[in-house]
Amino acid sequence: MWSFFLLRFLLFFLDKYSGISAFYGGMICLLSGTVFAFLAFRYSGASQNQLVVRSFNKGSKLKFIITIVLFVMAYEWPNLQPLPLMISYFVTLMAQWPIIIILSRVNR
């Protein structure tokens, strides 16, 4: 959500390449996080303890690899603006932290 506000801001005040670069940064974080969530939380329960640990490890490794590959692909784009890309990536990455804190307090 925050990354889309940042995208709109950059598209409005800067050029279109800054906005596209910010979009790429948000999508890199979103795509790698989605793959991680799908793999890491595929199993649940105490009876499948080993499967949970293995899928969590596989998900975190695959997230790291996908993030690197997507950043390399983004940096090969000739009109890339590195600063909006990185800012959007980190804003999208940090946007999940308040949700985790809020949900951990609600479940207590």
N, C-alpha and C. Protein backbone atom coordinates (compact mmCIF):
# COMPACT_ATOMS: atom_id res chain seq x y z
N MET A 1 0.82 -1.18 0.00
CA MET A 1 0.00 0.00 0.00
C MET A 1 0.87 1.26 0.00
N TRP A 2 1.85 1.28 0.90
CA TRP A 2 2.73 2.45 0.95
C TRP A 2 3.53 2.59 -0.32
N SER A 3 3.90 1.46 -0.91
CA SER A 3 4.70 1.55 -2.13
C SER A 3 3.89 2.14 -3.28
N PHE A 4 2.57 1.92 -3.29
CA PHE A 4 1.76 2.50 -4.35
C PHE A 4 1.60 4.01 -4.16
N PHE A 5 1.56 4.48 -2.90
CA PHE A 5 1.57 5.92 -2.66
C PHE A 5 2.89 6.53 -3.11
N LEU A 6 3.97 5.83 -2.84
CA LEU A 6 5.29 6.29 -3.29
C LEU A 6 5.37 6.30 -4.81
N LEU A 7 4.80 5.28 -5.43
CA LEU A 7 4.78 5.23 -6.90
C LEU A 7 4.03 6.42 -7.47
N ARG A 8 2.86 6.72 -6.92
CA ARG A 8 2.09 7.87 -7.39
C ARG A 8 2.86 9.17 -7.19
N PHE A 9 3.50 9.29 -6.04
CA PHE A 9 4.28 10.49 -5.74
C PHE A 9 5.39 10.68 -6.76
N LEU A 10 6.12 9.61 -7.04
CA LEU A 10 7.24 9.71 -7.97
C LEU A 10 6.77 9.95 -9.40
N LEU A 11 5.64 9.35 -9.77
CA LEU A 11 5.11 9.59 -11.11
C LEU A 11 4.65 11.04 -11.28
N PHE A 12 4.10 11.62 -10.20
CA PHE A 12 3.57 12.97 -10.28
C PHE A 12 4.66 14.03 -10.26
N PHE A 13 5.62 13.87 -9.36
CA PHE A 13 6.63 14.91 -9.17
C PHE A 13 7.91 14.69 -9.98
N LEU A 14 8.18 13.47 -10.35
CA LEU A 14 9.40 13.21 -11.13
C LEU A 14 8.98 12.68 -12.50
N ASP A 15 9.87 12.02 -13.19
CA ASP A 15 9.53 11.51 -14.51
C ASP A 15 8.96 10.10 -14.44
N LYS A 16 8.55 9.60 -15.59
CA LYS A 16 7.92 8.28 -15.63
C LYS A 16 8.90 7.17 -15.31
N TYR A 17 10.18 7.37 -15.57
CA TYR A 17 11.16 6.33 -15.28
C TYR A 17 11.37 6.14 -13.78
N SER A 18 11.23 7.19 -13.01
CA SER A 18 11.30 7.06 -11.56
C SER A 18 10.10 6.27 -11.04
N GLY A 19 8.94 6.54 -11.60
CA GLY A 19 7.75 5.80 -11.19
C GLY A 19 7.82 4.34 -11.56
N ILE A 20 8.30 4.05 -12.75
CA ILE A 20 8.44 2.66 -13.17
C ILE A 20 9.49 1.95 -12.32
N SER A 21 10.57 2.63 -12.01
CA SER A 21 11.60 2.04 -11.15
C SER A 21 11.05 1.76 -9.76
N ALA A 22 10.24 2.66 -9.23
CA ALA A 22 9.62 2.44 -7.92
C ALA A 22 8.65 1.26 -7.99
N PHE A 23 7.93 1.14 -9.08
CA PHE A 23 7.03 0.00 -9.26
C PHE A 23 7.80 -1.30 -9.26
N TYR A 24 8.93 -1.34 -9.96
CA TYR A 24 9.77 -2.54 -9.98
C TYR A 24 10.26 -2.90 -8.58
N GLY A 25 10.65 -1.91 -7.80
CA GLY A 25 11.11 -2.18 -6.44
C GLY A 25 10.02 -2.79 -5.58
N GLY A 26 8.81 -2.26 -5.68
CA GLY A 26 7.70 -2.83 -4.92
C GLY A 26 7.35 -4.23 -5.38
N MET A 27 7.40 -4.46 -6.68
CA MET A 27 7.06 -5.78 -7.20
C MET A 27 8.12 -6.82 -6.84
N ILE A 28 9.37 -6.43 -6.78
CA ILE A 28 10.42 -7.37 -6.37
C ILE A 28 10.13 -7.86 -4.96
N CYS A 29 9.80 -6.95 -4.07
CA CYS A 29 9.50 -7.33 -2.69
C CYS A 29 8.23 -8.17 -2.61
N LEU A 30 7.22 -7.78 -3.34
CA LEU A 30 5.94 -8.47 -3.30
C LEU A 30 6.04 -9.88 -3.88
N LEU A 31 6.70 -10.05 -5.01
CA LEU A 31 6.80 -11.37 -5.63
C LEU A 31 7.64 -12.34 -4.80
N SER A 32 8.77 -11.88 -4.31
CA SER A 32 9.60 -12.77 -3.50
C SER A 32 8.92 -13.11 -2.18
N GLY A 33 8.21 -12.16 -1.59
CA GLY A 33 7.48 -12.44 -0.36
C GLY A 33 6.33 -13.39 -0.56
N THR A 34 5.67 -13.32 -1.71
CA THR A 34 4.57 -14.23 -2.01
C THR A 34 5.07 -15.66 -2.17
N VAL A 35 6.19 -15.83 -2.86
CA VAL A 35 6.77 -17.17 -3.02
C VAL A 35 7.17 -17.72 -1.65
N PHE A 36 7.77 -16.89 -0.82
CA PHE A 36 8.16 -17.33 0.52
C PHE A 36 6.93 -17.75 1.33
N ALA A 37 5.89 -16.94 1.32
CA ALA A 37 4.69 -17.26 2.11
C ALA A 37 4.04 -18.54 1.62
N PHE A 38 4.00 -18.74 0.32
CA PHE A 38 3.40 -19.96 -0.21
C PHE A 38 4.17 -21.19 0.23
N LEU A 39 5.49 -21.14 0.16
CA LEU A 39 6.29 -22.31 0.52
C LEU A 39 6.42 -22.49 2.03
N ALA A 40 6.57 -21.41 2.75
CA ALA A 40 6.84 -21.51 4.19
C ALA A 40 5.62 -21.95 4.99
N PHE A 41 4.44 -21.56 4.56
CA PHE A 41 3.25 -21.85 5.34
C PHE A 41 2.34 -22.86 4.66
N ARG A 42 2.93 -23.74 3.89
CA ARG A 42 2.17 -24.77 3.21
C ARG A 42 1.72 -25.85 4.18
N TYR A 43 2.53 -26.15 5.17
CA TYR A 43 2.20 -27.19 6.15
C TYR A 43 1.98 -26.56 7.52
N SER A 44 1.19 -27.23 8.34
CA SER A 44 1.00 -26.76 9.72
C SER A 44 0.67 -27.97 10.59
N GLY A 45 0.85 -27.77 11.87
CA GLY A 45 0.52 -28.83 12.82
C GLY A 45 1.76 -29.48 13.42
N ALA A 46 1.57 -30.01 14.60
CA ALA A 46 2.69 -30.63 15.31
C ALA A 46 3.09 -31.96 14.69
N SER A 47 2.18 -32.63 14.02
CA SER A 47 2.52 -33.91 13.42
C SER A 47 3.40 -33.76 12.18
N GLN A 48 3.40 -32.59 11.57
CA GLN A 48 4.20 -32.34 10.37
C GLN A 48 5.35 -31.39 10.66
N ASN A 49 5.95 -31.54 11.82
CA ASN A 49 6.98 -30.61 12.28
C ASN A 49 8.17 -30.55 11.32
N GLN A 50 8.64 -31.69 10.85
CA GLN A 50 9.79 -31.71 9.95
C GLN A 50 9.47 -31.06 8.61
N LEU A 51 8.24 -31.27 8.12
CA LEU A 51 7.84 -30.65 6.86
C LEU A 51 7.75 -29.13 6.99
N VAL A 52 7.31 -28.66 8.14
CA VAL A 52 7.22 -27.21 8.37
C VAL A 52 8.60 -26.59 8.34
N VAL A 53 9.55 -27.21 9.01
CA VAL A 53 10.91 -26.68 9.06
C VAL A 53 11.55 -26.70 7.68
N ARG A 54 11.39 -27.82 6.96
CA ARG A 54 11.97 -27.91 5.62
C ARG A 54 11.36 -26.91 4.65
N SER A 55 10.05 -26.76 4.69
CA SER A 55 9.41 -25.82 3.76
C SER A 55 9.75 -24.37 4.11
N PHE A 56 9.91 -24.07 5.40
CA PHE A 56 10.32 -22.72 5.80
C PHE A 56 11.73 -22.42 5.31
N ASN A 57 12.64 -23.37 5.46
CA ASN A 57 14.01 -23.17 4.98
C ASN A 57 14.06 -23.05 3.46
N LYS A 58 13.31 -23.91 2.76
CA LYS A 58 13.28 -23.84 1.31
C LYS A 58 12.68 -22.51 0.85
N GLY A 59 11.64 -22.04 1.54
CA GLY A 59 11.02 -20.77 1.18
C GLY A 59 11.95 -19.59 1.38
N SER A 60 12.70 -19.58 2.47
CA SER A 60 13.61 -18.46 2.71
C SER A 60 14.77 -18.46 1.72
N LYS A 61 15.27 -19.63 1.37
CA LYS A 61 16.35 -19.69 0.38
C LYS A 61 15.86 -19.27 -1.00
N LEU A 62 14.68 -19.73 -1.37
CA LEU A 62 14.13 -19.37 -2.67
C LEU A 62 13.79 -17.88 -2.75
N LYS A 63 13.33 -17.31 -1.64
CA LYS A 63 13.04 -15.87 -1.60
C LYS A 63 14.32 -15.07 -1.85
N PHE A 64 15.40 -15.47 -1.23
CA PHE A 64 16.67 -14.79 -1.40
C PHE A 64 17.14 -14.87 -2.85
N ILE A 65 17.05 -16.05 -3.45
CA ILE A 65 17.48 -16.24 -4.83
C ILE A 65 16.60 -15.43 -5.79
N ILE A 66 15.28 -15.47 -5.58
CA ILE A 66 14.37 -14.72 -6.45
C ILE A 66 14.61 -13.23 -6.33
N THR A 67 14.87 -12.75 -5.12
CA THR A 67 15.15 -11.33 -4.93
C THR A 67 16.39 -10.91 -5.70
N ILE A 68 17.44 -11.70 -5.62
CA ILE A 68 18.68 -11.39 -6.35
C ILE A 68 18.44 -11.40 -7.85
N VAL A 69 17.75 -12.42 -8.34
CA VAL A 69 17.50 -12.53 -9.79
C VAL A 69 16.66 -11.35 -10.27
N LEU A 70 15.64 -10.97 -9.52
CA LEU A 70 14.79 -9.85 -9.94
C LEU A 70 15.53 -8.52 -9.89
N PHE A 71 16.40 -8.34 -8.91
CA PHE A 71 17.21 -7.12 -8.87
C PHE A 71 18.18 -7.07 -10.06
N VAL A 72 18.79 -8.19 -10.41
CA VAL A 72 19.68 -8.22 -11.56
C VAL A 72 18.91 -7.91 -12.83
N MET A 73 17.70 -8.47 -12.96
CA MET A 73 16.88 -8.18 -14.15
C MET A 73 16.48 -6.70 -14.19
N ALA A 74 16.17 -6.13 -13.03
CA ALA A 74 15.77 -4.72 -13.00
C ALA A 74 16.94 -3.81 -13.34
N TYR A 75 18.13 -4.15 -12.86
CA TYR A 75 19.29 -3.30 -13.13
C TYR A 75 19.77 -3.39 -14.57
N GLU A 76 19.29 -4.35 -15.33
CA GLU A 76 19.65 -4.41 -16.74
C GLU A 76 18.76 -3.50 -17.59
N TRP A 77 17.72 -2.95 -17.02
CA TRP A 77 16.86 -2.02 -17.75
C TRP A 77 17.63 -0.72 -17.94
N PRO A 78 17.71 -0.19 -19.17
CA PRO A 78 18.59 0.97 -19.42
C PRO A 78 18.15 2.27 -18.75
N ASN A 79 16.88 2.48 -18.50
CA ASN A 79 16.41 3.74 -17.93
C ASN A 79 16.12 3.64 -16.43
N LEU A 80 16.71 2.68 -15.78
CA LEU A 80 16.43 2.46 -14.36
C LEU A 80 16.94 3.61 -13.50
N GLN A 81 16.13 4.01 -12.53
CA GLN A 81 16.53 4.98 -11.52
C GLN A 81 16.76 4.20 -10.23
N PRO A 82 18.01 4.01 -9.79
CA PRO A 82 18.30 3.14 -8.65
C PRO A 82 17.69 3.61 -7.33
N LEU A 83 17.68 4.90 -7.07
CA LEU A 83 17.18 5.40 -5.79
C LEU A 83 15.68 5.12 -5.60
N PRO A 84 14.82 5.44 -6.57
CA PRO A 84 13.40 5.08 -6.38
C PRO A 84 13.17 3.58 -6.27
N LEU A 85 13.96 2.79 -6.99
CA LEU A 85 13.84 1.34 -6.90
C LEU A 85 14.12 0.85 -5.49
N MET A 86 15.22 1.31 -4.91
CA MET A 86 15.60 0.86 -3.57
C MET A 86 14.66 1.41 -2.50
N ILE A 87 14.25 2.66 -2.63
CA ILE A 87 13.34 3.24 -1.65
C ILE A 87 12.02 2.49 -1.65
N SER A 88 11.49 2.21 -2.83
CA SER A 88 10.23 1.49 -2.93
C SER A 88 10.36 0.06 -2.39
N TYR A 89 11.48 -0.58 -2.66
CA TYR A 89 11.71 -1.93 -2.13
C TYR A 89 11.70 -1.92 -0.61
N PHE A 90 12.43 -0.98 -0.01
CA PHE A 90 12.52 -0.95 1.45
C PHE A 90 11.22 -0.49 2.10
N VAL A 91 10.50 0.42 1.46
CA VAL A 91 9.20 0.84 2.01
C VAL A 91 8.22 -0.33 1.99
N THR A 92 8.21 -1.08 0.90
CA THR A 92 7.33 -2.25 0.81
C THR A 92 7.76 -3.32 1.80
N LEU A 93 9.04 -3.50 1.97
CA LEU A 93 9.55 -4.49 2.92
C LEU A 93 9.19 -4.12 4.36
N MET A 94 9.30 -2.84 4.69
CA MET A 94 9.01 -2.42 6.06
C MET A 94 7.52 -2.25 6.34
N ALA A 95 6.70 -2.20 5.31
CA ALA A 95 5.26 -2.03 5.50
C ALA A 95 4.63 -3.24 6.19
N GLN A 96 5.27 -4.39 6.13
CA GLN A 96 4.71 -5.58 6.77
C GLN A 96 5.01 -5.62 8.28
N TRP A 97 5.98 -4.89 8.74
CA TRP A 97 6.33 -4.94 10.15
C TRP A 97 5.24 -4.41 11.07
N PRO A 98 4.61 -3.26 10.80
CA PRO A 98 3.53 -2.81 11.69
C PRO A 98 2.36 -3.79 11.75
N ILE A 99 2.09 -4.46 10.64
CA ILE A 99 1.01 -5.44 10.62
C ILE A 99 1.34 -6.60 11.54
N ILE A 100 2.57 -7.06 11.51
CA ILE A 100 2.98 -8.16 12.39
C ILE A 100 2.86 -7.75 13.86
N ILE A 101 3.28 -6.54 14.19
CA ILE A 101 3.20 -6.05 15.56
C ILE A 101 1.75 -5.93 16.01
N ILE A 102 0.90 -5.39 15.17
CA ILE A 102 -0.51 -5.23 15.52
C ILE A 102 -1.18 -6.59 15.71
N LEU A 103 -0.93 -7.51 14.80
CA LEU A 103 -1.55 -8.83 14.92
C LEU A 103 -1.02 -9.62 16.11
N SER A 104 0.24 -9.44 16.48
CA SER A 104 0.77 -10.15 17.63
C SER A 104 0.15 -9.62 18.93
N ARG A 105 -0.22 -8.36 18.97
CA ARG A 105 -0.87 -7.81 20.16
C ARG A 105 -2.34 -8.20 20.25
N VAL A 106 -3.00 -8.38 19.11
CA VAL A 106 -4.41 -8.75 19.10
C VAL A 106 -4.59 -10.20 19.58
N ASN A 107 -3.68 -11.07 19.24
CA ASN A 107 -3.82 -12.49 19.58
C ASN A 107 -3.46 -12.80 21.02
N ARG A 108 -3.00 -11.86 21.79
CA ARG A 108 -2.62 -12.14 23.18
C ARG A 108 -3.78 -12.23 24.08
